[in-house]
Structures are given as C-alpha cells and as structure tokens.
C-alpha cells in the first residue's frame, strides 16, 4: 500500500480490521461449539446437566427477568421444555444446532 492515497490506505486498514474481528468471532464460536460437543457426548455430564436444569424454577426466572427482554411467557415455556427434552434424549450436536436455528427463526 506504499504510495497509495491516504484515504485508500485507511479504507483498506478498516476492511482488514473488520475481517480480523469476524475471524475472531468465528474462532470463538468454533471453540465454544467444540467444547459443547465434548460435553454433550458424555452421558454422565448430560444427565447431571438435566438434573440441575429441571430444578430451575423457570416461572420464577420469567417473573424476575422477563421484563428485561419483554419475552413472551409462552415462548419461554416452549424453549424451556424443548431444552429439557433435548437434554433428556441426549441429542447430538447437530440436533442442538437445528433446534437453536429454529428458535432464531421463530423469534
């Protein structure tokens, strides 16, 4: 970029910064997915997660925090139940990804 106009250099640097941020986010998400897959492949850990999760009083959480996001209580109930079902049946990572995508599509 030596000899290029200053404005072009600034635009190129900004484009590279955006690309670097995107790569960092992608890498972070990839590491998170790998860690989740490792946990979800261990039945004893999934069973422990399910056991802990069913003790969460989702209605109390909804009452205390629902106002923050303005979440529809019916949607929260649906997500809560689907999450429990996926844990209970020890769904593979691909099924979790499909479920999350369906939640995003619904919202």
N, C-alpha and C. Protein backbone atom coordinates (compact mmCIF):
# COMPACT_ATOMS: atom_id res chain seq x y z
N UNK A 1 0.82 -1.19 0.00
CA UNK A 1 0.00 0.00 0.00
C UNK A 1 0.87 1.27 0.00
N UNK A 2 2.18 1.05 -0.04
CA UNK A 2 3.05 2.24 -0.08
C UNK A 2 2.78 3.02 -1.35
N UNK A 3 2.66 4.30 -1.20
CA UNK A 3 2.42 5.16 -2.33
C UNK A 3 0.95 5.32 -2.68
N UNK A 4 0.08 4.54 -2.06
CA UNK A 4 -1.37 4.66 -2.31
C UNK A 4 -1.89 5.88 -1.56
N UNK A 5 -2.96 6.46 -2.06
CA UNK A 5 -3.54 7.62 -1.37
C UNK A 5 -3.92 7.28 0.07
N UNK A 6 -3.81 8.27 0.93
CA UNK A 6 -4.08 8.10 2.36
C UNK A 6 -5.50 7.57 2.60
N UNK A 7 -6.46 8.08 1.85
CA UNK A 7 -7.85 7.63 2.05
C UNK A 7 -8.01 6.15 1.71
N UNK A 8 -7.31 5.68 0.69
CA UNK A 8 -7.39 4.27 0.30
C UNK A 8 -6.73 3.40 1.38
N UNK A 9 -5.63 3.85 1.91
CA UNK A 9 -4.95 3.10 2.97
C UNK A 9 -5.87 2.95 4.19
N UNK A 10 -6.54 4.05 4.56
CA UNK A 10 -7.45 4.00 5.71
C UNK A 10 -8.60 3.03 5.46
N UNK A 11 -9.14 3.02 4.26
CA UNK A 11 -10.25 2.10 3.93
C UNK A 11 -9.78 0.64 3.97
N UNK A 12 -8.59 0.39 3.46
CA UNK A 12 -8.04 -0.98 3.47
C UNK A 12 -7.79 -1.43 4.90
N UNK A 13 -7.24 -0.54 5.71
CA UNK A 13 -6.97 -0.89 7.11
C UNK A 13 -8.28 -1.19 7.83
N UNK A 14 -9.30 -0.40 7.59
CA UNK A 14 -10.60 -0.63 8.22
C UNK A 14 -11.19 -1.97 7.77
N UNK A 15 -11.06 -2.27 6.49
CA UNK A 15 -11.58 -3.55 5.97
C UNK A 15 -10.85 -4.72 6.62
N UNK A 16 -9.56 -4.60 6.80
CA UNK A 16 -8.78 -5.67 7.44
C UNK A 16 -9.18 -5.81 8.91
N UNK A 17 -9.45 -4.70 9.58
CA UNK A 17 -9.91 -4.77 10.97
C UNK A 17 -11.23 -5.51 11.08
N UNK A 18 -12.17 -5.20 10.17
CA UNK A 18 -13.45 -5.89 10.17
C UNK A 18 -13.27 -7.39 9.92
N UNK A 19 -12.40 -7.73 9.00
CA UNK A 19 -12.15 -9.13 8.71
C UNK A 19 -11.54 -9.83 9.93
N UNK A 20 -10.62 -9.18 10.60
CA UNK A 20 -9.99 -9.75 11.80
C UNK A 20 -11.02 -9.97 12.90
N UNK A 21 -11.93 -9.00 13.10
CA UNK A 21 -12.99 -9.15 14.09
C UNK A 21 -13.89 -10.34 13.75
N UNK A 22 -14.23 -10.47 12.49
CA UNK A 22 -15.06 -11.59 12.06
C UNK A 22 -14.38 -12.92 12.29
N UNK A 23 -13.10 -12.99 12.00
CA UNK A 23 -12.35 -14.23 12.22
C UNK A 23 -12.27 -14.57 13.71
N UNK A 24 -12.07 -13.55 14.55
CA UNK A 24 -12.04 -13.79 15.99
C UNK A 24 -13.37 -14.33 16.49
N UNK A 25 -14.47 -13.73 16.02
CA UNK A 25 -15.80 -14.21 16.43
C UNK A 25 -16.03 -15.64 15.95
N UNK A 26 -15.67 -15.91 14.71
CA UNK A 26 -15.85 -17.26 14.17
C UNK A 26 -15.01 -18.27 14.95
N UNK A 27 -13.77 -17.92 15.25
CA UNK A 27 -12.89 -18.81 16.00
C UNK A 27 -13.44 -19.05 17.40
N UNK A 28 -13.93 -18.00 18.04
CA UNK A 28 -14.50 -18.13 19.37
C UNK A 28 -15.73 -19.03 19.35
N UNK A 29 -16.59 -18.83 18.37
CA UNK A 29 -17.78 -19.66 18.24
C UNK A 29 -17.41 -21.12 17.96
N UNK A 30 -16.41 -21.33 17.15
CA UNK A 30 -15.94 -22.67 16.85
C UNK A 30 -15.42 -23.37 18.12
N UNK A 31 -14.66 -22.66 18.93
CA UNK A 31 -14.16 -23.24 20.19
C UNK A 31 -15.31 -23.57 21.13
N UNK A 32 -16.30 -22.68 21.19
CA UNK A 32 -17.46 -22.93 22.03
C UNK A 32 -18.22 -24.17 21.56
N UNK A 33 -18.39 -24.31 20.26
CA UNK A 33 -19.09 -25.48 19.71
C UNK A 33 -18.33 -26.77 20.00
N UNK A 34 -17.02 -26.73 19.90
CA UNK A 34 -16.22 -27.92 20.19
C UNK A 34 -16.33 -28.31 21.66
N UNK A 35 -16.31 -27.31 22.54
CA UNK A 35 -16.44 -27.59 23.97
C UNK A 35 -17.83 -28.15 24.28
N UNK A 36 -18.85 -27.57 23.66
CA UNK A 36 -20.21 -28.07 23.87
C UNK A 36 -20.36 -29.49 23.36
N UNK A 37 -19.80 -29.77 22.20
CA UNK A 37 -19.87 -31.12 21.65
C UNK A 37 -19.20 -32.12 22.60
N UNK A 38 -18.06 -31.74 23.15
CA UNK A 38 -17.35 -32.63 24.07
C UNK A 38 -18.21 -32.95 25.29
N UNK A 39 -18.90 -31.95 25.82
CA UNK A 39 -19.76 -32.17 26.98
C UNK A 39 -20.98 -32.99 26.59
N UNK A 40 -21.60 -32.66 25.47
CA UNK A 40 -22.84 -33.34 25.07
C UNK A 40 -22.62 -34.79 24.65
N UNK A 41 -21.37 -35.19 24.46
CA UNK A 41 -21.09 -36.57 24.10
C UNK A 41 -20.85 -37.45 25.33
N UNK A 42 -20.89 -36.86 26.51
CA UNK A 42 -20.65 -37.62 27.74
C UNK A 42 -21.98 -37.76 28.49
N UNK A 43 -22.56 -38.96 28.43
CA UNK A 43 -23.89 -39.16 29.04
C UNK A 43 -23.97 -38.77 30.52
N UNK A 44 -22.92 -39.02 31.27
CA UNK A 44 -22.97 -38.68 32.70
C UNK A 44 -23.04 -37.16 32.90
N UNK A 45 -22.37 -36.40 32.06
CA UNK A 45 -22.42 -34.94 32.18
C UNK A 45 -23.78 -34.40 31.72
N UNK A 46 -24.33 -35.00 30.67
CA UNK A 46 -25.65 -34.57 30.20
C UNK A 46 -26.71 -34.89 31.25
N UNK A 47 -26.60 -36.04 31.88
CA UNK A 47 -27.53 -36.42 32.94
C UNK A 47 -27.45 -35.45 34.10
N UNK A 48 -26.24 -35.07 34.47
CA UNK A 48 -26.05 -34.11 35.55
C UNK A 48 -26.63 -32.74 35.17
N UNK A 49 -26.41 -32.33 33.92
CA UNK A 49 -26.97 -31.06 33.46
C UNK A 49 -28.50 -31.11 33.51
N UNK A 50 -29.07 -32.21 33.06
CA UNK A 50 -30.53 -32.34 33.07
C UNK A 50 -31.05 -32.27 34.50
N UNK A 51 -30.39 -32.99 35.39
CA UNK A 51 -30.80 -33.00 36.78
C UNK A 51 -30.76 -31.59 37.38
N UNK A 52 -29.73 -30.84 37.08
CA UNK A 52 -29.63 -29.46 37.57
C UNK A 52 -30.68 -28.57 36.91
N UNK A 53 -30.89 -28.74 35.62
CA UNK A 53 -31.78 -27.86 34.87
C UNK A 53 -33.24 -28.03 35.29
N UNK A 54 -33.67 -29.25 35.57
CA UNK A 54 -35.08 -29.46 35.93
C UNK A 54 -35.40 -28.82 37.29
N UNK A 55 -34.38 -28.50 38.06
CA UNK A 55 -34.61 -27.83 39.34
C UNK A 55 -34.75 -26.32 39.21
N UNK A 56 -34.49 -25.79 38.02
CA UNK A 56 -34.64 -24.36 37.79
C UNK A 56 -36.13 -24.03 37.75
N UNK A 57 -36.54 -23.05 38.55
CA UNK A 57 -37.93 -22.60 38.54
C UNK A 57 -38.07 -21.55 37.44
N UNK A 58 -38.40 -22.01 36.25
CA UNK A 58 -38.45 -21.12 35.08
C UNK A 58 -39.52 -20.05 35.24
N UNK A 59 -40.58 -20.35 35.94
CA UNK A 59 -41.63 -19.34 36.15
C UNK A 59 -41.09 -18.19 37.01
N UNK A 60 -40.32 -18.53 38.02
CA UNK A 60 -39.73 -17.51 38.88
C UNK A 60 -38.72 -16.67 38.09
N UNK A 61 -37.93 -17.32 37.26
CA UNK A 61 -36.97 -16.61 36.41
C UNK A 61 -37.71 -15.66 35.48
N UNK A 62 -38.79 -16.16 34.87
CA UNK A 62 -39.59 -15.35 33.95
C UNK A 62 -40.17 -14.14 34.67
N UNK A 63 -40.67 -14.34 35.87
CA UNK A 63 -41.25 -13.23 36.62
C UNK A 63 -40.21 -12.17 36.97
N UNK A 64 -39.01 -12.62 37.33
CA UNK A 64 -37.98 -11.68 37.78
C UNK A 64 -37.23 -11.02 36.63
N UNK A 65 -37.07 -11.72 35.52
CA UNK A 65 -36.24 -11.19 34.43
C UNK A 65 -36.99 -10.97 33.13
N UNK A 66 -38.21 -11.44 33.03
CA UNK A 66 -38.96 -11.32 31.79
C UNK A 66 -39.16 -9.90 31.32
N UNK A 67 -39.28 -8.98 32.26
CA UNK A 67 -39.49 -7.58 31.90
C UNK A 67 -38.29 -6.99 31.16
N UNK A 68 -37.10 -7.55 31.39
CA UNK A 68 -35.90 -7.01 30.76
C UNK A 68 -35.96 -7.17 29.25
N UNK A 69 -36.36 -8.36 28.81
CA UNK A 69 -36.37 -8.62 27.37
C UNK A 69 -37.78 -8.56 26.78
N UNK A 70 -38.78 -8.46 27.63
CA UNK A 70 -40.14 -8.44 27.11
C UNK A 70 -40.52 -9.75 26.45
N UNK A 71 -39.98 -10.84 26.97
CA UNK A 71 -40.20 -12.16 26.37
C UNK A 71 -41.63 -12.64 26.59
N UNK A 72 -42.16 -13.27 25.58
CA UNK A 72 -43.47 -13.89 25.67
C UNK A 72 -43.37 -15.10 26.59
N UNK A 73 -44.16 -15.15 27.67
CA UNK A 73 -44.08 -16.29 28.60
C UNK A 73 -44.30 -17.64 27.92
N UNK A 74 -45.17 -17.67 26.91
CA UNK A 74 -45.43 -18.92 26.20
C UNK A 74 -44.18 -19.38 25.44
N UNK A 75 -43.48 -18.42 24.83
CA UNK A 75 -42.24 -18.75 24.12
C UNK A 75 -41.17 -19.25 25.10
N UNK A 76 -41.06 -18.60 26.24
CA UNK A 76 -40.09 -19.03 27.25
C UNK A 76 -40.41 -20.45 27.69
N UNK A 77 -41.68 -20.73 27.92
CA UNK A 77 -42.11 -22.07 28.33
C UNK A 77 -41.75 -23.10 27.25
N UNK A 78 -42.01 -22.74 26.00
CA UNK A 78 -41.70 -23.63 24.88
C UNK A 78 -40.19 -23.92 24.80
N UNK A 79 -39.39 -22.88 24.91
CA UNK A 79 -37.93 -23.04 24.84
C UNK A 79 -37.45 -23.88 26.02
N UNK A 80 -37.97 -23.60 27.19
CA UNK A 80 -37.59 -24.34 28.40
C UNK A 80 -37.88 -25.84 28.23
N UNK A 81 -39.07 -26.17 27.77
CA UNK A 81 -39.43 -27.57 27.60
C UNK A 81 -38.61 -28.25 26.51
N UNK A 82 -38.39 -27.55 25.41
CA UNK A 82 -37.60 -28.14 24.33
C UNK A 82 -36.16 -28.37 24.77
N UNK A 83 -35.63 -27.44 25.56
CA UNK A 83 -34.27 -27.60 26.07
C UNK A 83 -34.18 -28.84 26.96
N UNK A 84 -35.16 -29.00 27.86
CA UNK A 84 -35.19 -30.19 28.72
C UNK A 84 -35.28 -31.47 27.90
N UNK A 85 -36.13 -31.46 26.88
CA UNK A 85 -36.29 -32.65 26.04
C UNK A 85 -34.99 -33.01 25.33
N UNK A 86 -34.31 -32.00 24.80
CA UNK A 86 -33.03 -32.27 24.12
C UNK A 86 -32.00 -32.84 25.09
N UNK A 87 -31.97 -32.31 26.31
CA UNK A 87 -31.05 -32.87 27.31
C UNK A 87 -31.44 -34.31 27.65
N UNK A 88 -32.74 -34.51 27.88
CA UNK A 88 -33.21 -35.82 28.30
C UNK A 88 -32.93 -36.91 27.26
N UNK A 89 -33.10 -36.57 25.99
CA UNK A 89 -32.85 -37.59 24.96
C UNK A 89 -31.40 -37.60 24.48
N UNK A 90 -30.57 -36.78 25.15
CA UNK A 90 -29.14 -36.71 24.83
C UNK A 90 -28.92 -36.47 23.34
N UNK A 91 -29.55 -35.42 22.87
CA UNK A 91 -29.49 -35.05 21.45
C UNK A 91 -28.05 -34.76 21.02
N UNK A 92 -27.69 -35.17 19.80
CA UNK A 92 -26.35 -34.87 19.29
C UNK A 92 -26.24 -33.38 18.94
N UNK A 93 -25.03 -32.93 18.76
CA UNK A 93 -24.77 -31.52 18.50
C UNK A 93 -25.54 -31.01 17.28
N UNK A 94 -25.66 -31.83 16.26
CA UNK A 94 -26.37 -31.40 15.05
C UNK A 94 -27.84 -31.09 15.36
N UNK A 95 -28.44 -31.87 16.24
CA UNK A 95 -29.83 -31.64 16.61
C UNK A 95 -29.96 -30.36 17.45
N UNK A 96 -28.98 -30.11 18.31
CA UNK A 96 -28.98 -28.87 19.08
C UNK A 96 -28.88 -27.67 18.13
N UNK A 97 -28.03 -27.78 17.13
CA UNK A 97 -27.86 -26.68 16.17
C UNK A 97 -29.16 -26.42 15.42
N UNK A 98 -29.84 -27.48 15.00
CA UNK A 98 -31.12 -27.32 14.32
C UNK A 98 -32.15 -26.67 15.24
N UNK A 99 -32.16 -27.08 16.50
CA UNK A 99 -33.10 -26.54 17.46
C UNK A 99 -32.83 -25.04 17.66
N UNK A 100 -31.57 -24.68 17.85
CA UNK A 100 -31.24 -23.27 18.02
C UNK A 100 -31.62 -22.44 16.81
N UNK A 101 -31.39 -22.98 15.64
CA UNK A 101 -31.77 -22.28 14.40
C UNK A 101 -33.29 -22.08 14.35
N UNK A 102 -34.04 -23.08 14.77
CA UNK A 102 -35.50 -22.93 14.76
C UNK A 102 -35.95 -21.86 15.76
N UNK A 103 -35.27 -21.76 16.89
CA UNK A 103 -35.60 -20.72 17.87
C UNK A 103 -35.33 -19.34 17.27
N UNK A 104 -34.19 -19.18 16.60
CA UNK A 104 -33.86 -17.91 15.97
C UNK A 104 -34.90 -17.56 14.92
N UNK A 105 -35.30 -18.54 14.12
CA UNK A 105 -36.31 -18.31 13.10
C UNK A 105 -37.64 -17.87 13.70
N UNK A 106 -38.01 -18.47 14.83
CA UNK A 106 -39.28 -18.13 15.48
C UNK A 106 -39.27 -16.71 16.04
N UNK A 107 -38.13 -16.33 16.57
CA UNK A 107 -38.03 -15.01 17.21
C UNK A 107 -37.80 -13.95 16.16
